[in-house]
């Protein structure tokens, strides 16, 4: 599930960044997030730079991982910090 887009205006080069992501089950689907769903989300979770608006040229800025959960939950909220060294 891609998104949000257009983070560039929120990022400051050379400064510590914080990003907080809250996830919940999709409407009409499962009622809870389980350890397997978090494992699936963690496979590609990150901040990426889309160069030339071309999905063949994506640069990884920061990979993110939710900590492992051991029981079902209705929502999961976590915050990461990182530094961007180049534009």
PDB file of N, CA and C in Angstrom:
ATOM      1  N   UNK A   1       0.831  -1.176   0.000  1.00  0.00           N
ATOM      2  CA  UNK A   1       0.000   0.000   0.000  1.00  0.00           C
ATOM      3  C   UNK A   1       0.876   1.240   0.000  1.00  0.00           C
ATOM      4  N   UNK A   2       1.121   1.814  -1.159  1.00  0.00           N
ATOM      5  CA  UNK A   2       1.981   2.987  -1.227  1.00  0.00           C
ATOM      6  C   UNK A   2       1.336   4.219  -0.615  1.00  0.00           C
ATOM      7  N   UNK A   3       2.152   5.107  -0.159  1.00  0.00           N
ATOM      8  CA  UNK A   3       1.690   6.386   0.351  1.00  0.00           C
ATOM      9  C   UNK A   3       2.289   6.675   1.701  1.00  0.00           C
ATOM     10  N   UNK A   4       2.296   7.836   2.186  1.00  0.00           N
ATOM     11  CA  UNK A   4       1.910   9.044   1.451  1.00  0.00           C
ATOM     12  C   UNK A   4       3.004   9.461   0.473  1.00  0.00           C
ATOM     13  N   UNK A   5       2.619  10.261  -0.475  1.00  0.00           N
ATOM     14  CA  UNK A   5       3.548  10.769  -1.480  1.00  0.00           C
ATOM     15  C   UNK A   5       3.942  12.191  -1.131  1.00  0.00           C
ATOM     16  N   UNK A   6       4.890  12.698  -1.894  1.00  0.00           N
ATOM     17  CA  UNK A   6       5.286  14.107  -1.803  1.00  0.00           C
ATOM     18  C   UNK A   6       5.763  14.507  -0.410  1.00  0.00           C
ATOM     19  N   UNK A   7       6.716  13.771   0.136  1.00  0.00           N
ATOM     20  CA  UNK A   7       7.297  14.132   1.422  1.00  0.00           C
ATOM     21  C   UNK A   7       8.400  15.175   1.292  1.00  0.00           C
ATOM     22  N   UNK A   8       8.883  15.426   0.081  1.00  0.00           N
ATOM     23  CA  UNK A   8      10.038  16.308  -0.113  1.00  0.00           C
ATOM     24  C   UNK A   8       9.913  17.634   0.617  1.00  0.00           C
ATOM     25  N   UNK A   9       8.766  18.280   0.542  1.00  0.00           N
ATOM     26  CA  UNK A   9       8.608  19.590   1.178  1.00  0.00           C
ATOM     27  C   UNK A   9       8.653  19.494   2.702  1.00  0.00           C
ATOM     28  N   UNK A  10       8.573  18.301   3.252  1.00  0.00           N
ATOM     29  CA  UNK A  10       8.600  18.114   4.701  1.00  0.00           C
ATOM     30  C   UNK A  10       9.998  17.755   5.209  1.00  0.00           C
ATOM     31  N   UNK A  11      10.919  17.376   4.302  1.00  0.00           N
ATOM     32  CA  UNK A  11      12.238  16.904   4.693  1.00  0.00           C
ATOM     33  C   UNK A  11      13.266  18.025   4.639  1.00  0.00           C
ATOM     34  N   UNK A  12      14.193  18.033   5.589  1.00  0.00           N
ATOM     35  CA  UNK A  12      15.244  19.036   5.651  1.00  0.00           C
ATOM     36  C   UNK A  12      16.577  18.303   5.555  1.00  0.00           C
ATOM     37  N   UNK A  13      17.349  18.586   4.511  1.00  0.00           N
ATOM     38  CA  UNK A  13      18.622  17.914   4.306  1.00  0.00           C
ATOM     39  C   UNK A  13      19.579  18.220   5.450  1.00  0.00           C
ATOM     40  N   UNK A  14      20.285  17.208   5.919  1.00  0.00           N
ATOM     41  CA  UNK A  14      21.272  17.372   6.979  1.00  0.00           C
ATOM     42  C   UNK A  14      20.678  17.481   8.371  1.00  0.00           C
ATOM     43  N   UNK A  15      19.391  17.329   8.505  1.00  0.00           N
ATOM     44  CA  UNK A  15      18.748  17.437   9.817  1.00  0.00           C
ATOM     45  C   UNK A  15      18.119  16.100  10.195  1.00  0.00           C
ATOM     46  N   UNK A  16      17.946  15.919  11.486  1.00  0.00           N
ATOM     47  CA  UNK A  16      17.275  14.712  11.967  1.00  0.00           C
ATOM     48  C   UNK A  16      15.794  14.815  11.617  1.00  0.00           C
ATOM     49  N   UNK A  17      15.274  13.776  11.001  1.00  0.00           N
ATOM     50  CA  UNK A  17      13.870  13.717  10.588  1.00  0.00           C
ATOM     51  C   UNK A  17      13.127  12.744  11.490  1.00  0.00           C
ATOM     52  N   UNK A  18      11.868  12.971  11.660  1.00  0.00           N
ATOM     53  CA  UNK A  18      10.997  12.026  12.364  1.00  0.00           C
ATOM     54  C   UNK A  18       9.819  11.716  11.463  1.00  0.00           C
ATOM     55  N   UNK A  19       9.470  10.446  11.411  1.00  0.00           N
ATOM     56  CA  UNK A  19       8.267  10.055  10.690  1.00  0.00           C
ATOM     57  C   UNK A  19       7.497   9.089  11.581  1.00  0.00           C
ATOM     58  N   UNK A  20       6.213   9.317  11.659  1.00  0.00           N
ATOM     59  CA  UNK A  20       5.336   8.476  12.471  1.00  0.00           C
ATOM     60  C   UNK A  20       4.281   7.906  11.537  1.00  0.00           C
ATOM     61  N   UNK A  21       4.117   6.593  11.604  1.00  0.00           N
ATOM     62  CA  UNK A  21       3.137   5.936  10.753  1.00  0.00           C
ATOM     63  C   UNK A  21       2.190   5.131  11.620  1.00  0.00           C
ATOM     64  N   UNK A  22       0.911   5.339  11.386  1.00  0.00           N
ATOM     65  CA  UNK A  22      -0.132   4.591  12.090  1.00  0.00           C
ATOM     66  C   UNK A  22      -0.865   3.754  11.046  1.00  0.00           C
ATOM     67  N   UNK A  23      -0.956   2.463  11.295  1.00  0.00           N
ATOM     68  CA  UNK A  23      -1.666   1.584  10.364  1.00  0.00           C
ATOM     69  C   UNK A  23      -2.852   0.939  11.067  1.00  0.00           C
ATOM     70  N   UNK A  24      -3.874   0.679  10.279  1.00  0.00           N
ATOM     71  CA  UNK A  24      -5.087   0.013  10.750  1.00  0.00           C
ATOM     72  C   UNK A  24      -5.565  -0.917   9.647  1.00  0.00           C
ATOM     73  N   UNK A  25      -6.358  -1.908   9.973  1.00  0.00           N
ATOM     74  CA  UNK A  25      -6.888  -2.785   8.920  1.00  0.00           C
ATOM     75  C   UNK A  25      -7.740  -1.989   7.928  1.00  0.00           C
ATOM     76  N   UNK A  26      -7.730  -2.431   6.680  1.00  0.00           N
ATOM     77  CA  UNK A  26      -8.535  -1.775   5.652  1.00  0.00           C
ATOM     78  C   UNK A  26     -10.019  -1.981   5.936  1.00  0.00           C
ATOM     79  N   UNK A  27     -10.825  -0.991   5.610  1.00  0.00           N
ATOM     80  CA  UNK A  27     -12.269  -1.098   5.777  1.00  0.00           C
ATOM     81  C   UNK A  27     -12.805  -2.247   4.929  1.00  0.00           C
ATOM     82  N   UNK A  28     -13.638  -3.068   5.525  1.00  0.00           N
ATOM     83  CA  UNK A  28     -14.232  -4.183   4.803  1.00  0.00           C
ATOM     84  C   UNK A  28     -13.370  -5.431   4.772  1.00  0.00           C
ATOM     85  N   UNK A  29     -12.187  -5.355   5.345  1.00  0.00           N
ATOM     86  CA  UNK A  29     -11.286  -6.503   5.364  1.00  0.00           C
ATOM     87  C   UNK A  29     -11.185  -7.094   6.761  1.00  0.00           C
ATOM     88  N   UNK A  30      -9.992  -7.531   7.089  1.00  0.00           N
ATOM     89  CA  UNK A  30      -9.734  -8.091   8.416  1.00  0.00           C
ATOM     90  C   UNK A  30     -10.020  -7.035   9.480  1.00  0.00           C
ATOM     91  N   UNK A  31     -10.384  -7.474  10.648  1.00  0.00           N
ATOM     92  CA  UNK A  31     -10.710  -6.552  11.748  1.00  0.00           C
ATOM     93  C   UNK A  31      -9.495  -6.194  12.590  1.00  0.00           C
ATOM     94  N   UNK A  32      -8.421  -6.985  12.464  1.00  0.00           N
ATOM     95  CA  UNK A  32      -7.221  -6.752  13.271  1.00  0.00           C
ATOM     96  C   UNK A  32      -5.968  -6.919  12.416  1.00  0.00           C
ATOM     97  N   UNK A  33      -4.879  -6.343  12.908  1.00  0.00           N
ATOM     98  CA  UNK A  33      -3.550  -6.599  12.360  1.00  0.00           C
ATOM     99  C   UNK A  33      -2.959  -7.728  13.186  1.00  0.00           C
ATOM    100  N   UNK A  34      -2.366  -8.687  12.529  1.00  0.00           N
ATOM    101  CA  UNK A  34      -1.746  -9.780  13.265  1.00  0.00           C
ATOM    102  C   UNK A  34      -0.249  -9.796  12.977  1.00  0.00           C
ATOM    103  N   UNK A  35       0.519 -10.625  13.691  1.00  0.00           N
ATOM    104  CA  UNK A  35       1.967 -10.649  13.451  1.00  0.00           C
ATOM    105  C   UNK A  35       2.341 -10.893  11.994  1.00  0.00           C
ATOM    106  N   UNK A  36       1.596 -11.717  11.271  1.00  0.00           N
ATOM    107  CA  UNK A  36       1.889 -11.983   9.853  1.00  0.00           C
ATOM    108  C   UNK A  36       1.659 -10.745   8.996  1.00  0.00           C
ATOM    109  N   UNK A  37       0.622  -9.950   9.304  1.00  0.00           N
ATOM    110  CA  UNK A  37       0.371  -8.741   8.511  1.00  0.00           C
ATOM    111  C   UNK A  37       1.482  -7.711   8.731  1.00  0.00           C
ATOM    112  N   UNK A  38       1.997  -7.602   9.932  1.00  0.00           N
ATOM    113  CA  UNK A  38       3.107  -6.686  10.203  1.00  0.00           C
ATOM    114  C   UNK A  38       4.362  -7.178   9.477  1.00  0.00           C
ATOM    115  N   UNK A  39       4.592  -8.470   9.483  1.00  0.00           N
ATOM    116  CA  UNK A  39       5.723  -9.048   8.754  1.00  0.00           C
ATOM    117  C   UNK A  39       5.621  -8.714   7.265  1.00  0.00           C
ATOM    118  N   UNK A  40       4.447  -8.799   6.694  1.00  0.00           N
ATOM    119  CA  UNK A  40       4.225  -8.476   5.283  1.00  0.00           C
ATOM    120  C   UNK A  40       4.492  -6.990   5.013  1.00  0.00           C
ATOM    121  N   UNK A  41       3.985  -6.121   5.870  1.00  0.00           N
ATOM    122  CA  UNK A  41       4.189  -4.674   5.716  1.00  0.00           C
ATOM    123  C   UNK A  41       5.672  -4.341   5.790  1.00  0.00           C
ATOM    124  N   UNK A  42       6.404  -4.989   6.696  1.00  0.00           N
ATOM    125  CA  UNK A  42       7.831  -4.712   6.877  1.00  0.00           C
ATOM    126  C   UNK A  42       8.678  -5.063   5.656  1.00  0.00           C
ATOM    127  N   UNK A  43       8.194  -5.891   4.761  1.00  0.00           N
ATOM    128  CA  UNK A  43       8.992  -6.313   3.603  1.00  0.00           C
ATOM    129  C   UNK A  43       9.444  -5.142   2.741  1.00  0.00           C
ATOM    130  N   UNK A  44       8.591  -4.146   2.552  1.00  0.00           N
ATOM    131  CA  UNK A  44       8.923  -3.018   1.681  1.00  0.00           C
ATOM    132  C   UNK A  44       8.736  -1.654   2.326  1.00  0.00           C
ATOM    133  N   UNK A  45       8.564  -1.633   3.633  1.00  0.00           N
ATOM    134  CA  UNK A  45       8.314  -0.368   4.314  1.00  0.00           C
ATOM    135  C   UNK A  45       9.570   0.494   4.312  1.00  0.00           C
ATOM    136  N   UNK A  46       9.433   1.709   3.845  1.00  0.00           N
ATOM    137  CA  UNK A  46      10.573   2.606   3.823  1.00  0.00           C
ATOM    138  C   UNK A  46      10.240   3.927   3.180  1.00  0.00           C
ATOM    139  N   UNK A  47      11.258   4.748   3.105  1.00  0.00           N
ATOM    140  CA  UNK A  47      11.159   6.036   2.431  1.00  0.00           C
ATOM    141  C   UNK A  47      12.035   5.928   1.196  1.00  0.00           C
ATOM    142  N   UNK A  48      11.441   6.201   0.050  1.00  0.00           N
ATOM    143  CA  UNK A  48      12.120   6.028  -1.225  1.00  0.00           C
ATOM    144  C   UNK A  48      12.051   7.319  -2.028  1.00  0.00           C
ATOM    145  N   UNK A  49      13.089   7.551  -2.818  1.00  0.00           N
ATOM    146  CA  UNK A  49      13.120   8.695  -3.720  1.00  0.00           C
ATOM    147  C   UNK A  49      12.799   8.198  -5.127  1.00  0.00           C
ATOM    148  N   UNK A  50      11.762   8.737  -5.692  1.00  0.00           N
ATOM    149  CA  UNK A  50      11.360   8.401  -7.055  1.00  0.00           C
ATOM    150  C   UNK A  50      12.062   9.392  -7.984  1.00  0.00           C
ATOM    151  N   UNK A  51      13.132   8.919  -8.639  1.00  0.00           N
ATOM    152  CA  UNK A  51      13.911   9.791  -9.505  1.00  0.00           C
ATOM    153  C   UNK A  51      13.267   9.875 -10.887  1.00  0.00           C
ATOM    154  N   UNK A  52      13.147  11.076 -11.400  1.00  0.00           N
ATOM    155  CA  UNK A  52      12.570  11.322 -12.723  1.00  0.00           C
ATOM    156  C   UNK A  52      11.146  10.797 -12.850  1.00  0.00           C
ATOM    157  N   UNK A  53      10.443  10.683 -11.746  1.00  0.00           N
ATOM    158  CA  UNK A  53       9.060  10.177 -11.737  1.00  0.00           C
ATOM    159  C   UNK A  53       8.965   8.845 -12.472  1.00  0.00           C
ATOM    160  N   UNK A  54       9.986   8.034 -12.307  1.00  0.00           N
ATOM    161  CA  UNK A  54      10.121   6.778 -13.031  1.00  0.00           C
ATOM    162  C   UNK A  54      10.281   5.645 -12.014  1.00  0.00           C
ATOM    163  N   UNK A  55       9.341   4.731 -11.977  1.00  0.00           N
ATOM    164  CA  UNK A  55       9.387   3.647 -10.997  1.00  0.00           C
ATOM    165  C   UNK A  55      10.523   2.660 -11.247  1.00  0.00           C
ATOM    166  N   UNK A  56      11.220   2.794 -12.374  1.00  0.00           N
ATOM    167  CA  UNK A  56      12.395   1.963 -12.618  1.00  0.00           C
ATOM    168  C   UNK A  56      13.641   2.544 -11.951  1.00  0.00           C
ATOM    169  N   UNK A  57      13.542   3.760 -11.439  1.00  0.00           N
ATOM    170  CA  UNK A  57      14.683   4.438 -10.824  1.00  0.00           C
ATOM    171  C   UNK A  57      14.288   4.928  -9.428  1.00  0.00           C
ATOM    172  N   UNK A  58      14.214   3.987  -8.509  1.00  0.00           N
ATOM    173  CA  UNK A  58      13.838   4.306  -7.129  1.00  0.00           C
ATOM    174  C   UNK A  58      15.072   4.144  -6.245  1.00  0.00           C
ATOM    175  N   UNK A  59      15.351   5.163  -5.439  1.00  0.00           N
ATOM    176  CA  UNK A  59      16.497   5.142  -4.530  1.00  0.00           C
ATOM    177  C   UNK A  59      15.978   5.010  -3.099  1.00  0.00           C
ATOM    178  N   UNK A  60      16.540   4.081  -2.354  1.00  0.00           N
ATOM    179  CA  UNK A  60      16.145   3.892  -0.957  1.00  0.00           C
ATOM    180  C   UNK A  60      16.790   4.978  -0.104  1.00  0.00           C
ATOM    181  N   UNK A  61      15.962   5.723   0.622  1.00  0.00           N
ATOM    182  CA  UNK A  61      16.447   6.739   1.557  1.00  0.00           C
ATOM    183  C   UNK A  61      16.588   6.130   2.949  1.00  0.00           C
ATOM    184  N   UNK A  62      15.566   5.417   3.395  1.00  0.00           N
ATOM    185  CA  UNK A  62      15.585   4.806   4.726  1.00  0.00           C
ATOM    186  C   UNK A  62      14.612   3.641   4.751  1.00  0.00           C
ATOM    187  N   UNK A  63      15.110   2.459   5.114  1.00  0.00           N
ATOM    188  CA  UNK A  63      14.216   1.316   5.324  1.00  0.00           C
ATOM    189  C   UNK A  63      13.659   1.409   6.732  1.00  0.00           C
ATOM    190  N   UNK A  64      12.395   1.100   6.871  1.00  0.00           N
ATOM    191  CA  UNK A  64      11.718   1.157   8.167  1.00  0.00           C
ATOM    192  C   UNK A  64      11.203  -0.234   8.520  1.00  0.00           C
ATOM    193  N   UNK A  65      11.161  -0.537   9.790  1.00  0.00           N
ATOM    194  CA  UNK A  65      10.638  -1.817  10.253  1.00  0.00           C
ATOM    195  C   UNK A  65       9.817  -1.582  11.515  1.00  0.00           C
ATOM    196  N   UNK A  66       8.586  -2.057  11.494  1.00  0.00           N
ATOM    197  CA  UNK A  66       7.809  -2.076  12.734  1.00  0.00           C
ATOM    198  C   UNK A  66       8.392  -3.157  13.628  1.00  0.00           C
ATOM    199  N   UNK A  67       8.498  -2.912  14.932  1.00  0.00           N
ATOM    200  CA  UNK A  67       8.906  -3.983  15.836  1.00  0.00           C
ATOM    201  C   UNK A  67       7.886  -5.133  15.763  1.00  0.00           C
ATOM    202  N   UNK A  68       8.367  -6.334  15.994  1.00  0.00           N
ATOM    203  CA  UNK A  68       7.524  -7.534  15.944  1.00  0.00           C
ATOM    204  C   UNK A  68       6.442  -7.451  17.020  1.00  0.00           C
ATOM    205  N   UNK A  69       5.235  -7.861  16.660  1.00  0.00           N
ATOM    206  CA  UNK A  69       4.163  -7.973  17.645  1.00  0.00           C
ATOM    207  C   UNK A  69       3.886  -9.449  17.887  1.00  0.00           C
ATOM    208  N   UNK A  70       3.340  -9.757  19.041  1.00  0.00           N
ATOM    209  CA  UNK A  70       3.069 -11.157  19.371  1.00  0.00           C
ATOM    210  C   UNK A  70       1.586 -11.463  19.490  1.00  0.00           C
ATOM    211  N   UNK A  71       0.751 -10.419  19.401  1.00  0.00           N
ATOM    212  CA  UNK A  71      -0.694 -10.641  19.461  1.00  0.00           C
ATOM    213  C   UNK A  71      -1.397  -9.684  18.511  1.00  0.00           C
ATOM    214  N   UNK A  72      -2.623  -9.983  18.168  1.00  0.00           N
ATOM    215  CA  UNK A  72      -3.418  -9.143  17.270  1.00  0.00           C
ATOM    216  C   UNK A  72      -3.671  -7.772  17.892  1.00  0.00           C
ATOM    217  N   UNK A  73      -3.805  -6.761  17.016  1.00  0.00           N
ATOM    218  CA  UNK A  73      -4.097  -5.409  17.468  1.00  0.00           C
ATOM    219  C   UNK A  73      -4.978  -4.709  16.430  1.00  0.00           C
ATOM    220  N   UNK A  74      -5.761  -3.735  16.857  1.00  0.00           N
ATOM    221  CA  UNK A  74      -6.636  -3.018  15.928  1.00  0.00           C
ATOM    222  C   UNK A  74      -5.920  -1.865  15.236  1.00  0.00           C
ATOM    223  N   UNK A  75      -4.776  -1.427  15.774  1.00  0.00           N
ATOM    224  CA  UNK A  75      -3.964  -0.397  15.139  1.00  0.00           C
ATOM    225  C   UNK A  75      -2.544  -0.507  15.668  1.00  0.00           C
ATOM    226  N   UNK A  76      -1.608   0.036  14.874  1.00  0.00           N
ATOM    227  CA  UNK A  76      -0.202  -0.017  15.266  1.00  0.00           C
ATOM    228  C   UNK A  76       0.424   1.306  14.873  1.00  0.00           C
ATOM    229  N   UNK A  77       1.069   1.948  15.825  1.00  0.00           N
ATOM    230  CA  UNK A  77       1.614   3.281  15.677  1.00  0.00           C
ATOM    231  C   UNK A  77       3.084   3.226  16.086  1.00  0.00           C
ATOM    232  N   UNK A  78       3.983   3.776  15.249  1.00  0.00           N
ATOM    233  CA  UNK A  78       5.405   3.759  15.586  1.00  0.00           C
ATOM    234  C   UNK A  78       6.083   4.978  14.959  1.00  0.00           C
ATOM    235  N   UNK A  79       7.172   5.428  15.577  1.00  0.00           N
ATOM    236  CA  UNK A  79       7.912   6.590  15.086  1.00  0.00           C
ATOM    237  C   UNK A  79       9.378   6.220  14.889  1.00  0.00           C
ATOM    238  N   UNK A  80       9.946   6.682  13.761  1.00  0.00           N
ATOM    239  CA  UNK A  80      11.345   6.461  13.448  1.00  0.00           C
ATOM    240  C   UNK A  80      12.038   7.805  13.305  1.00  0.00           C
ATOM    241  N   UNK A  81      13.332   7.841  13.577  1.00  0.00           N
ATOM    242  CA  UNK A  81      14.145   9.030  13.298  1.00  0.00           C
ATOM    243  C   UNK A  81      15.263   8.626  12.336  1.00  0.00           C
ATOM    244  N   UNK A  82      15.666   9.581  11.500  1.00  0.00           N
ATOM    245  CA  UNK A  82      16.731   9.324  10.535  1.00  0.00           C
ATOM    246  C   UNK A  82      17.289  10.665  10.061  1.00  0.00           C
ATOM    247  N   UNK A  83      18.414  10.607   9.347  1.00  0.00           N
ATOM    248  CA  UNK A  83      19.050  11.800   8.835  1.00  0.00           C
ATOM    249  C   UNK A  83      19.186  11.656   7.321  1.00  0.00           C
ATOM    250  N   UNK A  84      18.910  12.719   6.590  1.00  0.00           N
ATOM    251  CA  UNK A  84      19.081  12.731   5.136  1.00  0.00           C
ATOM    252  C   UNK A  84      20.350  13.535   4.852  1.00  0.00           C
ATOM    253  N   UNK A  85      21.299  12.884   4.187  1.00  0.00           N
ATOM    254  CA  UNK A  85      22.595  13.535   3.944  1.00  0.00           C
ATOM    255  C   UNK A  85      22.694  14.205   2.584  1.00  0.00           C
ATOM    256  N   UNK A  86      21.837  13.840   1.636  1.00  0.00           N
ATOM    257  CA  UNK A  86      21.910  14.441   0.305  1.00  0.00           C
ATOM    258  C   UNK A  86      20.515  14.685  -0.241  1.00  0.00           C
ATOM    259  N   UNK A  87      20.395  15.664  -1.160  1.00  0.00           N
ATOM    260  CA  UNK A  87      19.072  15.959  -1.720  1.00  0.00           C
ATOM    261  C   UNK A  87      18.549  14.833  -2.593  1.00  0.00           C
TER     262      UNK A  87
END
